[in-house]
Amino acid sequence: MDYAFWIELALDIVSAAFVITGAVFVLAGAIGVIRLPDFYTRMHAAGVTDTLGAELIVIGLMVQGGFTLITAKLALLGVFVFLTSPTATHAVANAAYKSGLKPLLTRYRPHAGSDDGGAA
């Protein structure tokens, strides 16, 4: 039996699983940015899912790369994304809050010109 073939096939499958799962998380974050009602929930969707999605994609690429210099560079990229993405999300949300943007605290948006505040 040729064990090298089966090991390479297993590594390809694991790598593809990481990359596809990461792409699904990035897609979920993009849909969340479009569908969620206010700035803060959109920031949460983008920050959490894109960080996890990017990390999973980088891990999949590291598995595909094997033990090479490319894997070391991808590991450094993964650490950089892991540290900077949540920090940037927090900084942007904090700046928006300090500039006066208030979060939406109800499920229902008030309609223009209604006296009941938009309650259904």
PDB file of N, CA and C in Angstrom:
ATOM      1  N   MET A   1       0.838  -1.193   0.000  1.00  0.00           N
ATOM      2  CA  MET A   1       0.000   0.000   0.000  1.00  0.00           C
ATOM      3  C   MET A   1       0.874   1.243   0.000  1.00  0.00           C
ATOM      4  N   ASP A   2       0.386   2.251  -0.686  1.00  0.00           N
ATOM      5  CA  ASP A   2       1.095   3.518  -0.757  1.00  0.00           C
ATOM      6  C   ASP A   2       0.513   4.459   0.299  1.00  0.00           C
ATOM      7  N   TYR A   3       1.188   4.499   1.467  1.00  0.00           N
ATOM      8  CA  TYR A   3       0.687   5.318   2.570  1.00  0.00           C
ATOM      9  C   TYR A   3       0.836   6.815   2.298  1.00  0.00           C
ATOM     10  N   ALA A   4       1.809   7.203   1.498  1.00  0.00           N
ATOM     11  CA  ALA A   4       2.009   8.623   1.205  1.00  0.00           C
ATOM     12  C   ALA A   4       0.791   9.206   0.488  1.00  0.00           C
ATOM     13  N   PHE A   5       0.188   8.417  -0.400  1.00  0.00           N
ATOM     14  CA  PHE A   5      -1.008   8.878  -1.098  1.00  0.00           C
ATOM     15  C   PHE A   5      -2.141   9.136  -0.118  1.00  0.00           C
ATOM     16  N   TRP A   6      -2.359   8.212   0.810  1.00  0.00           N
ATOM     17  CA  TRP A   6      -3.468   8.351   1.758  1.00  0.00           C
ATOM     18  C   TRP A   6      -3.229   9.495   2.742  1.00  0.00           C
ATOM     19  N   ILE A   7      -1.986   9.692   3.142  1.00  0.00           N
ATOM     20  CA  ILE A   7      -1.673  10.810   4.040  1.00  0.00           C
ATOM     21  C   ILE A   7      -1.885  12.135   3.318  1.00  0.00           C
ATOM     22  N   GLU A   8      -1.448  12.219   2.075  1.00  0.00           N
ATOM     23  CA  GLU A   8      -1.648  13.441   1.301  1.00  0.00           C
ATOM     24  C   GLU A   8      -3.134  13.701   1.060  1.00  0.00           C
ATOM     25  N   LEU A   9      -3.888  12.658   0.790  1.00  0.00           N
ATOM     26  CA  LEU A   9      -5.332  12.804   0.601  1.00  0.00           C
ATOM     27  C   LEU A   9      -6.006  13.286   1.886  1.00  0.00           C
ATOM     28  N   ALA A  10      -5.602  12.725   3.026  1.00  0.00           N
ATOM     29  CA  ALA A  10      -6.172  13.150   4.307  1.00  0.00           C
ATOM     30  C   ALA A  10      -5.848  14.611   4.600  1.00  0.00           C
ATOM     31  N   LEU A  11      -4.605  15.028   4.325  1.00  0.00           N
ATOM     32  CA  LEU A  11      -4.223  16.425   4.526  1.00  0.00           C
ATOM     33  C   LEU A  11      -5.011  17.356   3.603  1.00  0.00           C
ATOM     34  N   ASP A  12      -5.243  16.934   2.373  1.00  0.00           N
ATOM     35  CA  ASP A  12      -6.042  17.739   1.452  1.00  0.00           C
ATOM     36  C   ASP A  12      -7.479  17.876   1.934  1.00  0.00           C
ATOM     37  N   ILE A  13      -8.039  16.801   2.455  1.00  0.00           N
ATOM     38  CA  ILE A  13      -9.415  16.840   2.957  1.00  0.00           C
ATOM     39  C   ILE A  13      -9.517  17.736   4.185  1.00  0.00           C
ATOM     40  N   VAL A  14      -8.576  17.608   5.112  1.00  0.00           N
ATOM     41  CA  VAL A  14      -8.575  18.459   6.315  1.00  0.00           C
ATOM     42  C   VAL A  14      -8.395  19.925   5.934  1.00  0.00           C
ATOM     43  N   SER A  15      -7.485  20.181   5.014  1.00  0.00           N
ATOM     44  CA  SER A  15      -7.247  21.553   4.557  1.00  0.00           C
ATOM     45  C   SER A  15      -8.494  22.131   3.907  1.00  0.00           C
ATOM     46  N   ALA A  16      -9.129  21.367   3.042  1.00  0.00           N
ATOM     47  CA  ALA A  16     -10.351  21.839   2.382  1.00  0.00           C
ATOM     48  C   ALA A  16     -11.459  22.078   3.392  1.00  0.00           C
ATOM     49  N   ALA A  17     -11.551  21.225   4.404  1.00  0.00           N
ATOM     50  CA  ALA A  17     -12.584  21.410   5.430  1.00  0.00           C
ATOM     51  C   ALA A  17     -12.372  22.716   6.195  1.00  0.00           C
ATOM     52  N   PHE A  18     -11.138  23.018   6.556  1.00  0.00           N
ATOM     53  CA  PHE A  18     -10.855  24.282   7.245  1.00  0.00           C
ATOM     54  C   PHE A  18     -11.173  25.489   6.365  1.00  0.00           C
ATOM     55  N   VAL A  19     -10.751  25.442   5.113  1.00  0.00           N
ATOM     56  CA  VAL A  19     -10.962  26.574   4.211  1.00  0.00           C
ATOM     57  C   VAL A  19     -12.452  26.774   3.932  1.00  0.00           C
ATOM     58  N   ILE A  20     -13.177  25.704   3.691  1.00  0.00           N
ATOM     59  CA  ILE A  20     -14.615  25.817   3.420  1.00  0.00           C
ATOM     60  C   ILE A  20     -15.363  26.304   4.655  1.00  0.00           C
ATOM     61  N   THR A  21     -15.009  25.780   5.828  1.00  0.00           N
ATOM     62  CA  THR A  21     -15.649  26.249   7.064  1.00  0.00           C
ATOM     63  C   THR A  21     -15.353  27.722   7.299  1.00  0.00           C
ATOM     64  N   GLY A  22     -14.130  28.143   7.068  1.00  0.00           N
ATOM     65  CA  GLY A  22     -13.779  29.553   7.200  1.00  0.00           C
ATOM     66  C   GLY A  22     -14.559  30.423   6.230  1.00  0.00           C
ATOM     67  N   ALA A  23     -14.715  29.947   5.006  1.00  0.00           N
ATOM     68  CA  ALA A  23     -15.483  30.704   4.015  1.00  0.00           C
ATOM     69  C   ALA A  23     -16.950  30.815   4.420  1.00  0.00           C
ATOM     70  N   VAL A  24     -17.495  29.776   5.034  1.00  0.00           N
ATOM     71  CA  VAL A  24     -18.877  29.829   5.515  1.00  0.00           C
ATOM     72  C   VAL A  24     -19.012  30.868   6.625  1.00  0.00           C
ATOM     73  N   PHE A  25     -18.045  30.934   7.529  1.00  0.00           N
ATOM     74  CA  PHE A  25     -18.094  31.946   8.596  1.00  0.00           C
ATOM     75  C   PHE A  25     -17.970  33.360   8.020  1.00  0.00           C
ATOM     76  N   VAL A  26     -17.114  33.553   7.048  1.00  0.00           N
ATOM     77  CA  VAL A  26     -16.982  34.868   6.427  1.00  0.00           C
ATOM     78  C   VAL A  26     -18.283  35.234   5.713  1.00  0.00           C
ATOM     79  N   LEU A  27     -18.902  34.285   5.039  1.00  0.00           N
ATOM     80  CA  LEU A  27     -20.181  34.533   4.375  1.00  0.00           C
ATOM     81  C   LEU A  27     -21.273  34.865   5.393  1.00  0.00           C
ATOM     82  N   ALA A  28     -21.295  34.161   6.518  1.00  0.00           N
ATOM     83  CA  ALA A  28     -22.273  34.461   7.568  1.00  0.00           C
ATOM     84  C   ALA A  28     -22.065  35.869   8.122  1.00  0.00           C
ATOM     85  N   GLY A  29     -20.819  36.280   8.278  1.00  0.00           N
ATOM     86  CA  GLY A  29     -20.540  37.642   8.729  1.00  0.00           C
ATOM     87  C   GLY A  29     -21.003  38.675   7.723  1.00  0.00           C
ATOM     88  N   ALA A  30     -20.810  38.404   6.442  1.00  0.00           N
ATOM     89  CA  ALA A  30     -21.252  39.331   5.400  1.00  0.00           C
ATOM     90  C   ALA A  30     -22.775  39.439   5.378  1.00  0.00           C
ATOM     91  N   ILE A  31     -23.457  38.327   5.539  1.00  0.00           N
ATOM     92  CA  ILE A  31     -24.921  38.356   5.598  1.00  0.00           C
ATOM     93  C   ILE A  31     -25.382  39.097   6.845  1.00  0.00           C
ATOM     94  N   GLY A  32     -24.681  38.911   7.955  1.00  0.00           N
ATOM     95  CA  GLY A  32     -25.022  39.631   9.179  1.00  0.00           C
ATOM     96  C   GLY A  32     -24.862  41.127   9.032  1.00  0.00           C
ATOM     97  N   VAL A  33     -23.839  41.555   8.320  1.00  0.00           N
ATOM     98  CA  VAL A  33     -23.637  42.989   8.096  1.00  0.00           C
ATOM     99  C   VAL A  33     -24.802  43.565   7.289  1.00  0.00           C
ATOM    100  N   ILE A  34     -25.325  42.797   6.367  1.00  0.00           N
ATOM    101  CA  ILE A  34     -26.436  43.277   5.544  1.00  0.00           C
ATOM    102  C   ILE A  34     -27.763  43.222   6.310  1.00  0.00           C
ATOM    103  N   ARG A  35     -27.985  42.170   7.076  1.00  0.00           N
ATOM    104  CA  ARG A  35     -29.305  41.918   7.645  1.00  0.00           C
ATOM    105  C   ARG A  35     -29.551  42.516   9.028  1.00  0.00           C
ATOM    106  N   LEU A  36     -28.530  42.753   9.815  1.00  0.00           N
ATOM    107  CA  LEU A  36     -28.743  43.205  11.189  1.00  0.00           C
ATOM    108  C   LEU A  36     -29.137  44.676  11.232  1.00  0.00           C
ATOM    109  N   PRO A  37     -29.856  45.092  12.299  1.00  0.00           N
ATOM    110  CA  PRO A  37     -30.532  46.386  12.267  1.00  0.00           C
ATOM    111  C   PRO A  37     -29.684  47.621  12.543  1.00  0.00           C
ATOM    112  N   ASP A  38     -28.661  47.548  13.367  1.00  0.00           N
ATOM    113  CA  ASP A  38     -27.940  48.776  13.686  1.00  0.00           C
ATOM    114  C   ASP A  38     -26.430  48.557  13.616  1.00  0.00           C
ATOM    115  N   PHE A  39     -25.717  49.646  13.800  1.00  0.00           N
ATOM    116  CA  PHE A  39     -24.270  49.656  13.638  1.00  0.00           C
ATOM    117  C   PHE A  39     -23.574  48.670  14.560  1.00  0.00           C
ATOM    118  N   TYR A  40     -23.974  48.605  15.813  1.00  0.00           N
ATOM    119  CA  TYR A  40     -23.265  47.779  16.793  1.00  0.00           C
ATOM    120  C   TYR A  40     -23.458  46.291  16.542  1.00  0.00           C
ATOM    121  N   THR A  41     -24.654  45.883  16.167  1.00  0.00           N
ATOM    122  CA  THR A  41     -24.850  44.459  15.858  1.00  0.00           C
ATOM    123  C   THR A  41     -24.120  44.092  14.567  1.00  0.00           C
ATOM    124  N   ARG A  42     -24.057  45.017  13.642  1.00  0.00           N
ATOM    125  CA  ARG A  42     -23.298  44.762  12.408  1.00  0.00           C
ATOM    126  C   ARG A  42     -21.806  44.641  12.705  1.00  0.00           C
ATOM    127  N   MET A  43     -21.304  45.493  13.578  1.00  0.00           N
ATOM    128  CA  MET A  43     -19.897  45.404  13.972  1.00  0.00           C
ATOM    129  C   MET A  43     -19.603  44.066  14.651  1.00  0.00           C
ATOM    130  N   HIS A  44     -20.540  43.618  15.485  1.00  0.00           N
ATOM    131  CA  HIS A  44     -20.357  42.339  16.163  1.00  0.00           C
ATOM    132  C   HIS A  44     -20.306  41.197  15.148  1.00  0.00           C
ATOM    133  N   ALA A  45     -21.240  41.213  14.206  1.00  0.00           N
ATOM    134  CA  ALA A  45     -21.259  40.157  13.182  1.00  0.00           C
ATOM    135  C   ALA A  45     -19.976  40.163  12.369  1.00  0.00           C
ATOM    136  N   ALA A  46     -19.546  41.344  11.975  1.00  0.00           N
ATOM    137  CA  ALA A  46     -18.338  41.427  11.156  1.00  0.00           C
ATOM    138  C   ALA A  46     -17.099  41.044  11.954  1.00  0.00           C
ATOM    139  N   GLY A  47     -16.987  41.526  13.178  1.00  0.00           N
ATOM    140  CA  GLY A  47     -15.783  41.288  13.968  1.00  0.00           C
ATOM    141  C   GLY A  47     -15.596  39.840  14.359  1.00  0.00           C
ATOM    142  N   VAL A  48     -16.650  39.229  14.878  1.00  0.00           N
ATOM    143  CA  VAL A  48     -16.525  37.859  15.390  1.00  0.00           C
ATOM    144  C   VAL A  48     -16.381  36.851  14.258  1.00  0.00           C
ATOM    145  N   THR A  49     -17.288  36.906  13.283  1.00  0.00           N
ATOM    146  CA  THR A  49     -17.264  35.865  12.257  1.00  0.00           C
ATOM    147  C   THR A  49     -16.102  36.024  11.293  1.00  0.00           C
ATOM    148  N   ASP A  50     -15.723  37.264  11.000  1.00  0.00           N
ATOM    149  CA  ASP A  50     -14.593  37.435  10.087  1.00  0.00           C
ATOM    150  C   ASP A  50     -13.272  37.038  10.732  1.00  0.00           C
ATOM    151  N   THR A  51     -13.135  37.288  12.027  1.00  0.00           N
ATOM    152  CA  THR A  51     -11.919  36.847  12.709  1.00  0.00           C
ATOM    153  C   THR A  51     -11.826  35.324  12.705  1.00  0.00           C
ATOM    154  N   LEU A  52     -12.917  34.660  13.079  1.00  0.00           N
ATOM    155  CA  LEU A  52     -12.912  33.194  13.098  1.00  0.00           C
ATOM    156  C   LEU A  52     -12.755  32.637  11.689  1.00  0.00           C
ATOM    157  N   GLY A  53     -13.456  33.226  10.723  1.00  0.00           N
ATOM    158  CA  GLY A  53     -13.349  32.750   9.345  1.00  0.00           C
ATOM    159  C   GLY A  53     -11.943  32.902   8.796  1.00  0.00           C
ATOM    160  N   ALA A  54     -11.321  34.049   9.048  1.00  0.00           N
ATOM    161  CA  ALA A  54      -9.954  34.259   8.570  1.00  0.00           C
ATOM    162  C   ALA A  54      -8.988  33.276   9.226  1.00  0.00           C
ATOM    163  N   GLU A  55      -9.164  33.049  10.518  1.00  0.00           N
ATOM    164  CA  GLU A  55      -8.280  32.097  11.213  1.00  0.00           C
ATOM    165  C   GLU A  55      -8.431  30.688  10.647  1.00  0.00           C
ATOM    166  N   LEU A  56      -9.661  30.263  10.393  1.00  0.00           N
ATOM    167  CA  LEU A  56      -9.867  28.921   9.838  1.00  0.00           C
ATOM    168  C   LEU A  56      -9.265  28.798   8.444  1.00  0.00           C
ATOM    169  N   ILE A  57      -9.401  29.838   7.639  1.00  0.00           N
ATOM    170  CA  ILE A  57      -8.804  29.799   6.299  1.00  0.00           C
ATOM    171  C   ILE A  57      -7.283  29.734   6.399  1.00  0.00           C
ATOM    172  N   VAL A  58      -6.699  30.517   7.295  1.00  0.00           N
ATOM    173  CA  VAL A  58      -5.235  30.491   7.466  1.00  0.00           C
ATOM    174  C   VAL A  58      -4.782  29.117   7.958  1.00  0.00           C
ATOM    175  N   ILE A  59      -5.521  28.518   8.880  1.00  0.00           N
ATOM    176  CA  ILE A  59      -5.161  27.174   9.364  1.00  0.00           C
ATOM    177  C   ILE A  59      -5.231  26.162   8.220  1.00  0.00           C
ATOM    178  N   GLY A  60      -6.277  26.266   7.384  1.00  0.00           N
ATOM    179  CA  GLY A  60      -6.378  25.371   6.227  1.00  0.00           C
ATOM    180  C   GLY A  60      -5.213  25.531   5.270  1.00  0.00           C
ATOM    181  N   LEU A  61      -4.794  26.766   5.061  1.00  0.00           N
ATOM    182  CA  LEU A  61      -3.638  27.003   4.188  1.00  0.00           C
ATOM    183  C   LEU A  61      -2.349  26.491   4.818  1.00  0.00           C
ATOM    184  N   MET A  62      -2.254  26.577   6.155  1.00  0.00           N
ATOM    185  CA  MET A  62      -1.070  26.043   6.832  1.00  0.00           C
ATOM    186  C   MET A  62      -1.002  24.527   6.692  1.00  0.00           C
ATOM    187  N   VAL A  63      -2.138  23.863   6.814  1.00  0.00           N
ATOM    188  CA  VAL A  63      -2.163  22.402   6.642  1.00  0.00           C
ATOM    189  C   VAL A  63      -1.758  22.053   5.213  1.00  0.00           C
ATOM    190  N   GLN A  64      -2.250  22.822   4.252  1.00  0.00           N
ATOM    191  CA  GLN A  64      -1.917  22.559   2.852  1.00  0.00           C
ATOM    192  C   GLN A  64      -0.451  22.833   2.551  1.00  0.00           C
ATOM    193  N   GLY A  65       0.133  23.827   3.227  1.00  0.00           N
ATOM    194  CA  GLY A  65       1.512  24.208   2.966  1.00  0.00           C
ATOM    195  C   GLY A  65       2.547  23.247   3.514  1.00  0.00           C
ATOM    196  N   GLY A  66       2.193  22.479   4.521  1.00  0.00           N
ATOM    197  CA  GLY A  66       3.165  21.573   5.121  1.00  0.00           C
ATOM    198  C   GLY A  66       4.137  22.330   6.006  1.00  0.00           C
ATOM    199  N   PHE A  67       5.265  21.703   6.334  1.00  0.00           N
ATOM    200  CA  PHE A  67       6.279  22.339   7.180  1.00  0.00           C
ATOM    201  C   PHE A  67       7.260  23.101   6.303  1.00  0.00           C
ATOM    202  N   THR A  68       6.870  24.333   5.947  1.00  0.00           N
ATOM    203  CA  THR A  68       7.726  25.161   5.100  1.00  0.00           C
ATOM    204  C   THR A  68       7.784  26.569   5.683  1.00  0.00           C
ATOM    205  N   LEU A  69       8.539  27.427   5.028  1.00  0.00           N
ATOM    206  CA  LEU A  69       8.616  28.825   5.429  1.00  0.00           C
ATOM    207  C   LEU A  69       7.270  29.516   5.226  1.00  0.00           C
ATOM    208  N   ILE A  70       6.514  29.069   4.246  1.00  0.00           N
ATOM    209  CA  ILE A  70       5.184  29.634   4.008  1.00  0.00           C
ATOM    210  C   ILE A  70       4.281  29.405   5.216  1.00  0.00           C
ATOM    211  N   THR A  71       4.384  28.250   5.829  1.00  0.00           N
ATOM    212  CA  THR A  71       3.582  27.954   7.007  1.00  0.00           C
ATOM    213  C   THR A  71       3.953  28.870   8.167  1.00  0.00           C
ATOM    214  N   ALA A  72       5.226  29.146   8.321  1.00  0.00           N
ATOM    215  CA  ALA A  72       5.651  30.072   9.381  1.00  0.00           C
ATOM    216  C   ALA A  72       5.096  31.470   9.130  1.00  0.00           C
ATOM    217  N   LYS A  73       5.120  31.909   7.884  1.00  0.00           N
ATOM    218  CA  LYS A  73       4.565  33.222   7.548  1.00  0.00           C
ATOM    219  C   LYS A  73       3.057  33.250   7.766  1.00  0.00           C
ATOM    220  N   LEU A  74       2.380  32.174   7.418  1.00  0.00           N
ATOM    221  CA  LEU A  74       0.935  32.094   7.648  1.00  0.00           C
ATOM    222  C   LEU A  74       0.617  32.090   9.141  1.00  0.00           C
ATOM    223  N   ALA A  75       1.457  31.449   9.944  1.00  0.00           N
ATOM    224  CA  ALA A  75       1.253  31.457  11.394  1.00  0.00           C
ATOM    225  C   ALA A  75       1.386  32.870  11.949  1.00  0.00           C
ATOM    226  N   LEU A  76       2.376  33.615  11.467  1.00  0.00           N
ATOM    227  CA  LEU A  76       2.517  35.009  11.896  1.00  0.00           C
ATOM    228  C   LEU A  76       1.320  35.844  11.443  1.00  0.00           C
ATOM    229  N   LEU A  77       0.842  35.597  10.241  1.00  0.00           N
ATOM    230  CA  LEU A  77      -0.349  36.291   9.758  1.00  0.00           C
ATOM    231  C   LEU A  77      -1.561  35.957  10.625  1.00  0.00           C
ATOM    232  N   GLY A  78      -1.701  34.699  11.005  1.00  0.00           N
ATOM    233  CA  GLY A  78      -2.805  34.293  11.868  1.00  0.00           C
ATOM    234  C   GLY A  78      -2.765  34.974  13.226  1.00  0.00           C
ATOM    235  N   VAL A  79      -1.581  35.067  13.814  1.00  0.00           N
ATOM    236  CA  VAL A  79      -1.439  35.764  15.102  1.00  0.00           C
ATOM    237  C   VAL A  79      -1.778  37.238  14.940  1.00  0.00           C
ATOM    238  N   PHE A  80      -1.321  37.844  13.848  1.00  0.00           N
ATOM    239  CA  PHE A  80      -1.604  39.252  13.591  1.00  0.00           C
ATOM    240  C   PHE A  80      -3.106  39.500  13.460  1.00  0.00           C
ATOM    241  N   VAL A  81      -3.798  38.685  12.690  1.00  0.00           N
ATOM    242  CA  VAL A  81      -5.250  38.829  12.516  1.00  0.00           C
ATOM    243  C   VAL A  81      -5.965  38.574  13.834  1.00  0.00           C
ATOM    244  N   PHE A  82      -5.526  37.578  14.579  1.00  0.00           N
ATOM    245  CA  PHE A  82      -6.156  37.235  15.851  1.00  0.00           C
ATOM    246  C   PHE A  82      -6.062  38.385  16.849  1.00  0.00           C
ATOM    247  N   LEU A  83      -4.971  39.133  16.821  1.00  0.00           N
ATOM    248  CA  LEU A  83      -4.797  40.239  17.762  1.00  0.00           C
ATOM    249  C   LEU A  83      -5.406  41.546  17.265  1.00  0.00           C
ATOM    250  N   THR A  84      -5.307  41.825  15.983  1.00  0.00           N
ATOM    251  CA  THR A  84      -5.718  43.143  15.489  1.00  0.00           C
ATOM    252  C   THR A  84      -7.190  43.254  15.135  1.00  0.00           C
ATOM    253  N   SER A  85      -7.812  42.193  14.663  1.00  0.00           N
ATOM    254  CA  SER A  85      -9.205  42.301  14.233  1.00  0.00           C
ATOM    255  C   SER A  85     -10.156  42.618  15.385  1.00  0.00           C
ATOM    256  N   PRO A  86     -10.115  41.908  16.514  1.00  0.00           N
ATOM    257  CA  PRO A  86     -10.991  42.288  17.625  1.00  0.00           C
ATOM    258  C   PRO A  86     -10.645  43.667  18.193  1.00  0.00           C
ATOM    259  N   THR A  87      -9.365  44.009  18.203  1.00  0.00           N
ATOM    260  CA  THR A  87      -8.964  45.319  18.707  1.00  0.00           C
ATOM    261  C   THR A  87      -9.505  46.433  17.816  1.00  0.00           C
ATOM    262  N   ALA A  88      -9.418  46.261  16.516  1.00  0.00           N
ATOM    263  CA  ALA A  88      -9.944  47.265  15.593  1.00  0.00           C
ATOM    264  C   ALA A  88     -11.461  47.366  15.697  1.00  0.00           C
ATOM    265  N   THR A  89     -12.139  46.241  15.834  1.00  0.00           N
ATOM    266  CA  THR A  89     -13.594  46.261  15.991  1.00  0.00           C
ATOM    267  C   THR A  89     -13.986  47.017  17.248  1.00  0.00           C
ATOM    268  N   HIS A  90     -13.296  46.756  18.338  1.00  0.00           N
ATOM    269  CA  HIS A  90     -13.589  47.459  19.587  1.00  0.00           C
ATOM    270  C   HIS A  90     -13.310  48.957  19.452  1.00  0.00           C
ATOM    271  N   ALA A  91     -12.220  49.325  18.815  1.00  0.00           N
ATOM    272  CA  ALA A  91     -11.870  50.734  18.670  1.00  0.00           C
ATOM    273  C   ALA A  91     -12.907  51.484  17.836  1.00  0.00           C
ATOM    274  N   VAL A  92     -13.370  50.881  16.761  1.00  0.00           N
ATOM    275  CA  VAL A  92     -14.376  51.531  15.916  1.00  0.00           C
ATOM    276  C   VAL A  92     -15.704  51.657  16.655  1.00  0.00           C
ATOM    277  N   ALA A  93     -16.127  50.587  17.352  1.00  0.00           N
ATOM    278  CA  ALA A  93     -17.382  50.651  18.107  1.00  0.00           C
ATOM    279  C   ALA A  93     -17.292  51.672  19.237  1.00  0.00           C
ATOM    280  N   ASN A  94     -16.168  51.736  19.918  1.00  0.00           N
ATOM    281  CA  ASN A  94     -15.986  52.699  21.001  1.00  0.00           C
ATOM    282  C   ASN A  94     -15.999  54.131  20.455  1.00  0.00           C
ATOM    283  N   ALA A  95     -15.375  54.367  19.324  1.00  0.00           N
ATOM    284  CA  ALA A  95     -15.378  55.699  18.718  1.00  0.00           C
ATOM    285  C   ALA A  95     -16.790  56.100  18.298  1.00  0.00           C
ATOM    286  N   ALA A  96     -17.554  55.146  17.778  1.00  0.00           N
ATOM    287  CA  ALA A  96     -18.932  55.455  17.387  1.00  0.00           C
ATOM    288  C   ALA A  96     -19.775  55.801  18.612  1.00  0.00           C
ATOM    289  N   TYR A  97     -19.587  55.066  19.696  1.00  0.00           N
ATOM    290  CA  TYR A  97     -20.359  55.339  20.917  1.00  0.00           C
ATOM    291  C   TYR A  97     -19.987  56.703  21.506  1.00  0.00           C
ATOM    292  N   LYS A  98     -18.710  57.006  21.532  1.00  0.00           N
ATOM    293  CA  LYS A  98     -18.275  58.288  22.090  1.00  0.00           C
ATOM    294  C   LYS A  98     -18.678  59.471  21.208  1.00  0.00           C
ATOM    295  N   SER A  99     -18.899  59.226  19.932  1.00  0.00           N
ATOM    296  CA  SER A  99     -19.340  60.314  19.052  1.00  0.00           C
ATOM    297  C   SER A  99     -20.846  60.531  19.115  1.00  0.00           C
ATOM    298  N   GLY A 100     -21.541  59.701  19.887  1.00  0.00           N
ATOM    299  CA  GLY A 100     -22.965  59.919  20.107  1.00  0.00           C
ATOM    300  C   GLY A 100     -23.901  58.936  19.428  1.00  0.00           C
ATOM    301  N   LEU A 101     -23.384  57.948  18.740  1.00  0.00           N
ATOM    302  CA  LEU A 101     -24.247  56.960  18.095  1.00  0.00           C
ATOM    303  C   LEU A 101     -24.753  55.987  19.146  1.00  0.00           C
ATOM    304  N   LYS A 102     -26.057  56.011  19.391  1.00  0.00           N
ATOM    305  CA  LYS A 102     -26.649  55.159  20.421  1.00  0.00           C
ATOM    306  C   LYS A 102     -27.094  53.832  19.805  1.00  0.00           C
ATOM    307  N   PRO A 103     -26.997  52.749  20.573  1.00  0.00           N
ATOM    308  CA  PRO A 103     -27.450  51.459  20.054  1.00  0.00           C
ATOM    309  C   PRO A 103     -28.973  51.391  19.985  1.00  0.00           C
ATOM    310  N   LEU A 104     -29.466  50.586  19.073  1.00  0.00           N
ATOM    311  CA  LEU A 104     -30.889  50.329  18.953  1.00  0.00           C
ATOM    312  C   LEU A 104     -31.263  49.337  20.046  1.00  0.00           C
ATOM    313  N   LEU A 105     -32.136  49.741  20.965  1.00  0.00           N
ATOM    314  CA  LEU A 105     -32.430  48.907  22.125  1.00  0.00           C
ATOM    315  C   LEU A 105     -33.766  48.192  22.033  1.00  0.00           C
ATOM    316  N   THR A 106     -34.395  48.198  20.890  1.00  0.00           N
ATOM    317  CA  THR A 106     -35.655  47.500  20.708  1.00  0.00           C
ATOM    318  C   THR A 106     -35.636  46.791  19.362  1.00  0.00           C
ATOM    319  N   ARG A 107     -36.518  45.847  19.209  1.00  0.00           N
ATOM    320  CA  ARG A 107     -36.594  45.123  17.951  1.00  0.00           C
ATOM    321  C   ARG A 107     -37.273  45.939  16.874  1.00  0.00           C
ATOM    322  N   TYR A 108     -38.130  46.853  17.284  1.00  0.00           N
ATOM    323  CA  TYR A 108     -38.952  47.582  16.329  1.00  0.00           C
ATOM    324  C   TYR A 108     -38.431  48.992  16.143  1.00  0.00           C
ATOM    325  N   ARG A 109     -38.314  49.395  14.908  1.00  0.00           N
ATOM    326  CA  ARG A 109     -37.882  50.752  14.607  1.00  0.00           C
ATOM    327  C   ARG A 109     -39.107  51.656  14.565  1.00  0.00           C
ATOM    328  N   PRO A 110     -39.002  52.838  15.126  1.00  0.00           N
ATOM    329  CA  PRO A 110     -40.139  53.757  15.027  1.00  0.00           C
ATOM    330  C   PRO A 110     -40.319  54.222  13.587  1.00  0.00           C
ATOM    331  N   HIS A 111     -41.584  54.300  13.180  1.00  0.00           N
ATOM    332  CA  HIS A 111     -41.894  54.753  11.829  1.00  0.00           C
ATOM    333  C   HIS A 111     -42.058  56.259  11.826  1.00  0.00           C
ATOM    334  N   ALA A 112     -41.662  56.885  10.769  1.00  0.00           N
ATOM    335  CA  ALA A 112     -41.759  58.333  10.662  1.00  0.00           C
ATOM    336  C   ALA A 112     -43.223  58.742  10.650  1.00  0.00           C
ATOM    337  N   GLY A 113     -43.578  59.691  11.502  1.00  0.00           N
ATOM    338  CA  GLY A 113     -44.916  60.241  11.553  1.00  0.00           C
ATOM    339  C   GLY A 113     -45.910  59.450  12.380  1.00  0.00           C
ATOM    340  N   SER A 114     -45.508  58.366  13.014  1.00  0.00           N
ATOM    341  CA  SER A 114     -46.462  57.619  13.840  1.00  0.00           C
ATOM    342  C   SER A 114     -46.395  58.117  15.275  1.00  0.00           C
ATOM    343  N   ASP A 115     -47.540  58.078  15.963  1.00  0.00           N
ATOM    344  CA  ASP A 115     -47.609  58.568  17.336  1.00  0.00           C
ATOM    345  C   ASP A 115     -47.257  57.518  18.361  1.00  0.00           C
ATOM    346  N   ASP A 116     -47.319  56.246  17.990  1.00  0.00           N
ATOM    347  CA  ASP A 116     -47.084  55.186  18.971  1.00  0.00           C
ATOM    348  C   ASP A 116     -45.629  54.745  19.016  1.00  0.00           C
ATOM    349  N   GLY A 117     -44.754  55.401  18.322  1.00  0.00           N
ATOM    350  CA  GLY A 117     -43.336  55.045  18.359  1.00  0.00           C
ATOM    351  C   GLY A 117     -43.002  53.853  17.513  1.00  0.00           C
ATOM    352  N   GLY A 118     -43.962  53.396  16.695  1.00  0.00           N
ATOM    353  CA  GLY A 118     -43.685  52.280  15.798  1.00  0.00           C
ATOM    354  C   GLY A 118     -43.986  50.925  16.383  1.00  0.00           C
ATOM    355  N   ALA A 119     -44.603  50.888  17.583  1.00  0.00           N
ATOM    356  CA  ALA A 119     -44.910  49.591  18.179  1.00  0.00           C
ATOM    357  C   ALA A 119     -45.975  48.893  17.373  1.00  0.00           C
ATOM    358  N   ALA A 120     -45.816  47.619  17.162  1.00  0.00           N
ATOM    359  CA  ALA A 120     -46.769  46.865  16.358  1.00  0.00           C
ATOM    360  C   ALA A 120     -47.906  46.341  17.199  1.00  0.00           C
TER     361      ALA A 120
END
